[in-house]
C-alpha atoms as a PDB file:
ATOM      1  CA  MET A   1      13.589   7.561  -3.924  1.00  0.00           C
ATOM      2  CA  MET A   2      10.890   5.069  -4.856  1.00  0.00           C
ATOM      3  CA  GLN A   3       9.940   4.520  -8.508  1.00  0.00           C
ATOM      4  CA  GLN A   4       6.487   5.686  -9.528  1.00  0.00           C
ATOM      5  CA  ALA A   5       4.754   4.457 -12.677  1.00  0.00           C
ATOM      6  CA  ALA A   6       2.591   6.938 -14.514  1.00  0.00           C
ATOM      7  CA  GLU A   7       1.384   4.542 -17.213  1.00  0.00           C
ATOM      8  CA  GLN A   8       0.823   0.837 -17.747  1.00  0.00           C
ATOM      9  CA  ARG A   9       3.452  -1.180 -19.550  1.00  0.00           C
ATOM     10  CA  MET A  10       3.958  -4.785 -20.532  1.00  0.00           C
ATOM     11  CA  VAL A  11       7.111  -6.647 -19.472  1.00  0.00           C
ATOM     12  CA  ALA A  12       8.405 -10.210 -19.697  1.00  0.00           C
ATOM     13  CA  VAL A  13       9.060 -11.941 -16.367  1.00  0.00           C
ATOM     14  CA  MET A  14      12.812 -12.641 -16.213  1.00  0.00           C
ATOM     15  CA  ARG A  15      12.663 -15.426 -13.591  1.00  0.00           C
ATOM     16  CA  ASP A  16       9.973 -17.254 -11.655  1.00  0.00           C
ATOM     17  CA  CYS A  17       8.584 -14.581  -9.379  1.00  0.00           C
ATOM     18  CA  PRO A  18       6.510 -14.882  -6.210  1.00  0.00           C
ATOM     19  CA  ALA A  19       3.396 -12.695  -6.090  1.00  0.00           C
ATOM     20  CA  ARG A  20       0.105 -12.438  -4.198  1.00  0.00           C
ATOM     21  CA  ALA A  21      -3.258 -12.527  -5.958  1.00  0.00           C
ATOM     22  CA  VAL A  22      -5.380  -9.402  -5.564  1.00  0.00           C
ATOM     23  CA  PRO A  23      -7.602  -9.200  -3.599  1.00  0.00           C
ATOM     24  CA  SER A  24      -7.309 -12.609  -1.870  1.00  0.00           C
ATOM     25  CA  GLY A  25      -3.597 -12.443  -1.052  1.00  0.00           C
ATOM     26  CA  THR A  26      -3.164 -16.058  -2.195  1.00  0.00           C
ATOM     27  CA  PRO A  27       0.475 -16.754  -3.104  1.00  0.00           C
ATOM     28  CA  ILE A  28       1.096 -17.411  -6.804  1.00  0.00           C
ATOM     29  CA  THR A  29       4.169 -17.728  -8.991  1.00  0.00           C
ATOM     30  CA  LEU A  30       4.582 -15.710 -12.154  1.00  0.00           C
ATOM     31  CA  PRO A  31       6.475 -18.037 -14.511  1.00  0.00           C
ATOM     32  CA  LYS A  32       9.666 -17.010 -16.268  1.00  0.00           C
ATOM     33  CA  ASN A  33       9.035 -15.601 -19.771  1.00  0.00           C
ATOM     34  CA  ALA A  34       5.349 -14.818 -19.047  1.00  0.00           C
ATOM     35  CA  PHE A  35       4.123 -11.411 -20.141  1.00  0.00           C
ATOM     36  CA  VAL A  36       2.547  -9.216 -17.470  1.00  0.00           C
ATOM     37  CA  THR A  37       1.259  -5.665 -17.499  1.00  0.00           C
ATOM     38  CA  ILE A  38       2.411  -3.399 -14.699  1.00  0.00           C
ATOM     39  CA  THR A  39      -0.711  -1.450 -13.749  1.00  0.00           C
ATOM     40  CA  GLN A  40       0.658   0.357 -10.721  1.00  0.00           C
ATOM     41  CA  ALA A  41       4.108   0.936  -9.222  1.00  0.00           C
ATOM     42  CA  ARG A  42       3.924   2.556  -5.821  1.00  0.00           C
ATOM     43  CA  GLY A  43       6.343   2.497  -2.932  1.00  0.00           C
ATOM     44  CA  GLY A  44       8.462  -0.207  -4.474  1.00  0.00           C
ATOM     45  CA  ASN A  45       5.546  -2.619  -4.865  1.00  0.00           C
ATOM     46  CA  TYR A  46       3.961  -3.474  -8.179  1.00  0.00           C
ATOM     47  CA  THR A  47       0.408  -4.368  -9.075  1.00  0.00           C
ATOM     48  CA  ILE A  48       0.429  -6.408 -12.267  1.00  0.00           C
ATOM     49  CA  SER A  49      -2.143  -7.973 -14.539  1.00  0.00           C
ATOM     50  CA  PHE A  50      -1.460 -11.593 -15.464  1.00  0.00           C
ATOM     51  CA  ARG A  51      -3.901 -13.733 -17.448  1.00  0.00           C
ATOM     52  CA  GLY A  52      -6.729 -11.319 -16.643  1.00  0.00           C
ATOM     53  CA  ASN A  53      -6.072 -11.245 -12.895  1.00  0.00           C
ATOM     54  CA  LEU A  54      -4.312  -8.728 -10.681  1.00  0.00           C
ATOM     55  CA  ALA A  55      -1.384  -9.684  -8.483  1.00  0.00           C
ATOM     56  CA  ARG A  56       1.052  -7.899  -6.190  1.00  0.00           C
ATOM     57  CA  VAL A  57       4.846  -8.156  -6.604  1.00  0.00           C
ATOM     58  CA  ASP A  58       7.047  -6.838  -3.809  1.00  0.00           C
ATOM     59  CA  GLY A  59       9.831  -4.434  -4.665  1.00  0.00           C
ATOM     60  CA  THR A  60      12.403  -6.975  -3.501  1.00  0.00           C
ATOM     61  CA  ASP A  61      11.467  -8.979  -6.588  1.00  0.00           C
ATOM     62  CA  ALA A  62      11.505  -6.011  -8.985  1.00  0.00           C
ATOM     63  CA  ASP A  63      14.446  -7.548 -10.844  1.00  0.00           C
ATOM     64  CA  ALA A  64      12.093 -10.307 -12.055  1.00  0.00           C
ATOM     65  CA  LEU A  65      10.149  -7.557 -13.850  1.00  0.00           C
ATOM     66  CA  GLY A  66      13.315  -6.056 -15.306  1.00  0.00           C
ATOM     67  CA  LEU A  67      13.262  -3.211 -12.786  1.00  0.00           C
ATOM     68  CA  GLU A  68      15.678  -2.036 -10.141  1.00  0.00           C
ATOM     69  CA  VAL A  69      15.186  -3.569  -6.703  1.00  0.00           C
ATOM     70  CA  GLU A  70      14.135  -0.773  -4.382  1.00  0.00           C
ATOM     71  CA  GLU A  71      15.421  -0.497  -0.847  1.00  0.00           C
ATOM     72  CA  LEU A  72      14.675   1.992   1.890  1.00  0.00           C
ATOM     73  CA  ASP A  73      17.632   4.201   2.846  1.00  0.00           C
ATOM     74  CA  PHE A  74      17.783   5.625   6.358  1.00  0.00           C
ATOM     75  CA  GLY A  75      21.391   6.799   6.237  1.00  0.00           C
ATOM     76  CA  GLN A  76      23.599   6.320   9.275  1.00  0.00           C
ATOM     77  CA  VAL A  77      21.504   5.112  12.225  1.00  0.00           C
ATOM     78  CA  GLU A  78      22.721   4.586  15.772  1.00  0.00           C
ATOM     79  CA  GLU A  79      21.845   1.587  17.933  1.00  0.00           C
ATOM     80  CA  GLY A  80      18.772   1.961  20.120  1.00  0.00           C
ATOM     81  CA  ALA A  81      15.044   2.176  19.670  1.00  0.00           C
ATOM     82  CA  PRO A  82      13.614   2.638  16.181  1.00  0.00           C
ATOM     83  CA  VAL A  83      13.147   6.247  15.119  1.00  0.00           C
ATOM     84  CA  SER A  84       9.469   7.168  14.829  1.00  0.00           C
ATOM     85  CA  GLU A  85      10.082   9.233  11.674  1.00  0.00           C
ATOM     86  CA  HIS A  86      11.641   6.186   9.976  1.00  0.00           C
ATOM     87  CA  VAL A  87       8.594   4.088  10.836  1.00  0.00           C
ATOM     88  CA  TRP A  88       6.171   6.685   9.425  1.00  0.00           C
ATOM     89  CA  GLU A  89       8.363   7.267   6.348  1.00  0.00           C
ATOM     90  CA  THR A  90       8.300   3.527   5.690  1.00  0.00           C
ATOM     91  CA  LEU A  91       4.530   3.280   6.140  1.00  0.00           C
ATOM     92  CA  ARG A  92       4.193   5.991   3.483  1.00  0.00           C
ATOM     93  CA  THR A  93       5.925   3.638   0.994  1.00  0.00           C
ATOM     94  CA  ILE A  94       3.058   1.133   1.227  1.00  0.00           C
ATOM     95  CA  TYR A  95       0.263   1.698  -1.253  1.00  0.00           C
ATOM     96  CA  ASP A  96      -3.160   0.208  -1.560  1.00  0.00           C
ATOM     97  CA  PRO A  97      -2.938  -2.006  -4.660  1.00  0.00           C
ATOM     98  CA  GLU A  98      -6.136  -0.584  -6.119  1.00  0.00           C
ATOM     99  CA  ILE A  99      -5.944   3.077  -5.005  1.00  0.00           C
ATOM    100  CA  PRO A 100      -2.872   5.161  -5.918  1.00  0.00           C
ATOM    101  CA  VAL A 101      -2.474   6.570  -2.399  1.00  0.00           C
ATOM    102  CA  ASN A 102      -0.219   5.374   0.413  1.00  0.00           C
ATOM    103  CA  ILE A 103      -1.891   3.833   3.456  1.00  0.00           C
ATOM    104  CA  VAL A 104      -0.985   6.751   5.740  1.00  0.00           C
ATOM    105  CA  ASP A 105      -2.516   9.435   3.503  1.00  0.00           C
ATOM    106  CA  LEU A 106      -5.460   7.126   2.809  1.00  0.00           C
ATOM    107  CA  GLY A 107      -6.176   7.245   6.553  1.00  0.00           C
ATOM    108  CA  LEU A 108      -5.743   3.524   7.187  1.00  0.00           C
ATOM    109  CA  ILE A 109      -3.154   3.902   9.964  1.00  0.00           C
ATOM    110  CA  TYR A 110      -4.831   4.665  13.292  1.00  0.00           C
ATOM    111  CA  ASN A 111      -1.885   4.270  15.667  1.00  0.00           C
ATOM    112  CA  VAL A 112       1.795   3.344  15.779  1.00  0.00           C
ATOM    113  CA  GLU A 113       3.466   2.385  19.029  1.00  0.00           C
ATOM    114  CA  ILE A 114       7.158   1.647  19.556  1.00  0.00           C
ATOM    115  CA  SER A 115       7.914  -0.371  22.672  1.00  0.00           C
ATOM    116  CA  GLU A 116      10.316  -2.883  24.127  1.00  0.00           C
ATOM    117  CA  ASN A 117       9.074  -6.380  24.955  1.00  0.00           C
ATOM    118  CA  THR A 118      10.153  -8.453  27.966  1.00  0.00           C
ATOM    119  CA  SER A 119      13.007  -9.963  25.932  1.00  0.00           C
ATOM    120  CA  GLY A 120      14.426  -6.499  25.247  1.00  0.00           C
ATOM    121  CA  HIS A 121      13.383  -6.528  21.569  1.00  0.00           C
ATOM    122  CA  ASP A 122      12.043  -3.367  19.971  1.00  0.00           C
ATOM    123  CA  VAL A 123       8.475  -3.899  18.773  1.00  0.00           C
ATOM    124  CA  VAL A 124       6.475  -1.683  16.435  1.00  0.00           C
ATOM    125  CA  THR A 125       2.729  -2.184  16.834  1.00  0.00           C
ATOM    126  CA  VAL A 126       0.548  -0.790  14.067  1.00  0.00           C
ATOM    127  CA  THR A 127      -3.192  -0.439  14.466  1.00  0.00           C
ATOM    128  CA  MET A 128      -4.802  -0.022  11.083  1.00  0.00           C
ATOM    129  CA  THR A 129      -8.060  -0.456   9.252  1.00  0.00           C
ATOM    130  CA  LEU A 130      -9.237  -1.118   5.716  1.00  0.00           C
ATOM    131  CA  THR A 131     -11.469   0.952   3.478  1.00  0.00           C
ATOM    132  CA  SER A 132     -14.178  -1.683   3.992  1.00  0.00           C
ATOM    133  CA  PRO A 133     -14.620  -4.651   6.344  1.00  0.00           C
ATOM    134  CA  THR A 134     -15.184  -6.767   3.218  1.00  0.00           C
ATOM    135  CA  CYS A 135     -11.876  -5.701   1.635  1.00  0.00           C
ATOM    136  CA  GLY A 136      -9.989  -8.853   0.751  1.00  0.00           C
ATOM    137  CA  MET A 137      -6.613  -7.076   0.799  1.00  0.00           C
ATOM    138  CA  GLY A 138      -6.322  -6.952   4.589  1.00  0.00           C
ATOM    139  CA  GLN A 139      -3.715  -9.665   4.940  1.00  0.00           C
ATOM    140  CA  VAL A 140      -1.814  -8.483   1.873  1.00  0.00           C
ATOM    141  CA  LEU A 141      -1.543  -4.963   3.323  1.00  0.00           C
ATOM    142  CA  ALA A 142      -0.702  -6.312   6.798  1.00  0.00           C
ATOM    143  CA  ASN A 143       2.076  -8.432   5.263  1.00  0.00           C
ATOM    144  CA  ASP A 144       3.357  -5.369   3.370  1.00  0.00           C
ATOM    145  CA  VAL A 145       3.452  -3.432   6.664  1.00  0.00           C
ATOM    146  CA  ARG A 146       5.315  -6.236   8.456  1.00  0.00           C
ATOM    147  CA  TYR A 147       7.778  -6.738   5.612  1.00  0.00           C
ATOM    148  CA  ARG A 148       8.586  -3.059   5.159  1.00  0.00           C
ATOM    149  CA  LEU A 149       8.806  -2.154   8.856  1.00  0.00           C
ATOM    150  CA  LYS A 150      11.251  -5.000   9.495  1.00  0.00           C
ATOM    151  CA  LYS A 151      13.614  -3.105   7.176  1.00  0.00           C
ATOM    152  CA  VAL A 152      13.636  -0.106   9.563  1.00  0.00           C
ATOM    153  CA  PRO A 153      16.814  -0.055  11.655  1.00  0.00           C
ATOM    154  CA  ASN A 154      16.421  -1.387  15.202  1.00  0.00           C
ATOM    155  CA  VAL A 155      12.972  -2.923  14.578  1.00  0.00           C
ATOM    156  CA  ASP A 156      13.008  -6.480  15.887  1.00  0.00           C
ATOM    157  CA  GLU A 157       9.323  -7.335  15.670  1.00  0.00           C
ATOM    158  CA  VAL A 158       6.211  -5.942  13.991  1.00  0.00           C
ATOM    159  CA  VAL A 159       2.653  -6.509  15.175  1.00  0.00           C
ATOM    160  CA  VAL A 160      -0.232  -5.456  12.935  1.00  0.00           C
ATOM    161  CA  ASN A 161      -3.734  -5.186  14.353  1.00  0.00           C
ATOM    162  CA  ILE A 162      -6.532  -4.679  11.832  1.00  0.00           C
ATOM    163  CA  VAL A 163      -9.575  -3.037  13.430  1.00  0.00           C
ATOM    164  CA  PHE A 164     -12.899  -1.746  12.148  1.00  0.00           C
ATOM    165  CA  ASP A 165     -13.830   0.505  15.055  1.00  0.00           C
ATOM    166  CA  PRO A 166     -13.873   3.327  14.326  1.00  0.00           C
ATOM    167  CA  PRO A 167     -14.856   2.523  10.764  1.00  0.00           C
ATOM    168  CA  TRP A 168     -12.848   4.092   7.957  1.00  0.00           C
ATOM    169  CA  SER A 169     -14.494   6.904   6.023  1.00  0.00           C
ATOM    170  CA  ARG A 170     -13.427   9.200   3.184  1.00  0.00           C
ATOM    171  CA  ASP A 171     -12.907  12.068   5.629  1.00  0.00           C
ATOM    172  CA  LYS A 172      -9.816  10.234   6.942  1.00  0.00           C
ATOM    173  CA  ILE A 173      -8.022  10.777   3.600  1.00  0.00           C
ATOM    174  CA  SER A 174      -5.415  13.561   3.787  1.00  0.00           C
ATOM    175  CA  GLU A 175      -6.171  16.757   1.866  1.00  0.00           C
ATOM    176  CA  GLU A 176      -3.208  16.089  -0.437  1.00  0.00           C
ATOM    177  CA  ALA A 177      -4.532  12.618  -1.282  1.00  0.00           C
ATOM    178  CA  GLN A 178      -8.044  13.978  -1.805  1.00  0.00           C
ATOM    179  CA  LEU A 179      -6.639  16.398  -4.361  1.00  0.00           C
ATOM    180  CA  GLU A 180      -4.690  13.598  -6.060  1.00  0.00           C
ATOM    181  CA  LEU A 181      -7.818  11.448  -6.243  1.00  0.00           C
ATOM    182  CA  GLY A 182      -9.989  14.360  -7.390  1.00  0.00           C
ATOM    183  CA  ILE A 183     -12.419  14.074  -4.476  1.00  0.00           C
ATOM    184  CA  PHE A 184     -11.630  17.319  -2.603  1.00  0.00           C
END
């Protein structure tokens, strides 16, 4: 299961590590031996503070933070179309870097479609939104969705469409997430 961090902690970066600045999504490199503070660990991704700025480190680079690399495990899967449950399970491993709730329970995922394109490749198309049209994390979250869904067995391609109609509102948050956030 995915690691969850309950408290902040400082770690030394063990190797140069790619990251994305929050909220712009601009690629940066955390240099080896730098000290960073892990502020959030959700779904195998890490939000860190480095030199007063937040950045996002993917779980595939967790070893650079001295942590175990986290992989999704779907067990034995047969050839064929991707399994819808695997797609939704994977989407639930992606967390907003500033809100400790996964993007499904946050109500950001509007639709998921599994289809086959003309080349015979299995395509997962995700229609999602952001908590605000001015949210700068759109491309970071879209890249997280693409990256993670490509790890689902039998997924050949991932298309992410970010829409703002209908607009997101707090009533889209699941009851469980509302309780976790203390807004129920």
